[in-house]
Amino acid sequence: MYTRLLTYDLKNGDSYNYEELYDYFKVVDAKKLTESSYLIKTSIKWTEFEKKIRDLTKNGDNVKCVVINQDNKLDVFNIR
């Protein structure tokens, strides 16, 4: 199981529909921490997870993911 903290700034929030992104959060039982950050625990490998989030967001969005790795250290990745 992987623990990830996804945080984002949706630059096109007023003009695009992000319903699929929020539906994905429900599917993976993500816990909403703030208006724009979610805690996600999943068995999905990083490359698949990154692709999924990239597919659900738009160019211009700012999306980062903090990963708690197996050594209990934090890694930060830019998805967009």
Protein backbone atom coordinates (compact mmCIF):
# COMPACT_ATOMS: atom_id res chain seq x y z
CA MET A 1 0.00 0.00 0.00
CA TYR A 2 1.27 3.46 -0.92
CA THR A 3 0.41 6.62 0.98
CA ARG A 4 0.22 9.78 -1.10
CA LEU A 5 -0.77 13.35 -0.41
CA LEU A 6 -2.06 15.00 -3.56
CA THR A 7 -2.27 18.78 -3.63
CA TYR A 8 -3.33 20.94 -6.53
CA ASP A 9 -4.23 24.36 -7.86
CA LEU A 10 -6.69 24.01 -10.72
CA LYS A 11 -5.94 26.99 -12.96
CA ASN A 12 -8.96 26.31 -15.16
CA GLY A 13 -11.38 25.48 -12.38
CA ASP A 14 -13.97 27.96 -13.62
CA SER A 15 -13.92 26.85 -17.25
CA TYR A 16 -13.36 23.07 -17.07
CA ASN A 17 -15.34 20.31 -15.43
CA TYR A 18 -13.23 18.33 -12.94
CA GLU A 19 -16.03 15.94 -11.97
CA GLU A 20 -13.99 12.91 -13.13
CA LEU A 21 -11.14 13.90 -10.80
CA TYR A 22 -13.50 14.13 -7.82
CA ASP A 23 -15.16 10.85 -8.82
CA TYR A 24 -11.72 9.22 -8.81
CA PHE A 25 -11.14 10.50 -5.28
CA LYS A 26 -14.36 8.73 -4.25
CA VAL A 27 -13.35 5.49 -6.00
CA VAL A 28 -10.02 5.32 -4.15
CA ASP A 29 -11.64 6.46 -0.89
CA ALA A 30 -9.38 9.52 -0.66
CA LYS A 31 -9.62 11.59 2.51
CA LYS A 32 -10.11 15.32 1.92
CA LEU A 33 -7.64 17.27 4.05
CA THR A 34 -8.17 20.79 2.70
CA GLU A 35 -10.07 22.33 -0.21
CA SER A 36 -7.25 21.27 -2.54
CA SER A 37 -5.46 18.34 -0.94
CA TYR A 38 -6.34 14.69 -0.47
CA LEU A 39 -4.73 11.76 1.34
CA ILE A 40 -4.79 8.70 -0.89
CA LYS A 41 -3.83 5.17 0.14
CA THR A 42 -3.67 2.82 -2.80
CA SER A 43 -1.83 -0.19 -4.16
CA ILE A 44 -1.50 1.45 -7.59
CA LYS A 45 2.12 1.80 -8.73
CA TRP A 46 3.48 5.32 -9.16
CA THR A 47 3.57 5.40 -12.98
CA GLU A 48 -0.07 4.31 -13.25
CA PHE A 49 -1.15 6.74 -10.50
CA GLU A 50 0.73 9.66 -12.08
CA LYS A 51 -0.79 8.93 -15.51
CA LYS A 52 -4.30 8.73 -14.04
CA ILE A 53 -3.97 12.08 -12.24
CA ARG A 54 -2.39 13.66 -15.33
CA ASP A 55 -5.31 12.39 -17.44
CA LEU A 56 -7.82 13.89 -14.97
CA THR A 57 -6.19 17.34 -14.81
CA LYS A 58 -5.43 19.95 -17.46
CA ASN A 59 -2.40 21.78 -18.80
CA GLY A 60 -1.80 24.80 -16.60
CA ASP A 61 -2.95 23.07 -13.41
CA ASN A 62 -0.38 22.83 -10.65
CA VAL A 63 -0.42 19.28 -9.24
CA LYS A 64 2.08 17.89 -6.75
CA CYS A 65 2.22 14.63 -4.87
CA VAL A 66 4.01 13.94 -1.61
CA VAL A 67 4.78 10.25 -1.22
CA ILE A 68 5.60 8.58 2.06
CA ASN A 69 8.07 5.93 0.95
CA GLN A 70 8.88 2.60 2.57
CA ASP A 71 11.60 4.21 4.71
CA ASN A 72 9.02 6.69 6.07
CA LYS A 73 10.73 9.51 4.18
CA LEU A 74 8.96 12.02 2.02
CA ASP A 75 9.41 12.37 -1.74
CA VAL A 76 7.77 15.21 -3.66
CA PHE A 77 6.81 14.81 -7.33
CA ASN A 78 5.48 17.35 -9.83
CA ILE A 79 2.68 15.79 -11.85
CA ARG A 80 1.86 19.05 -13.64
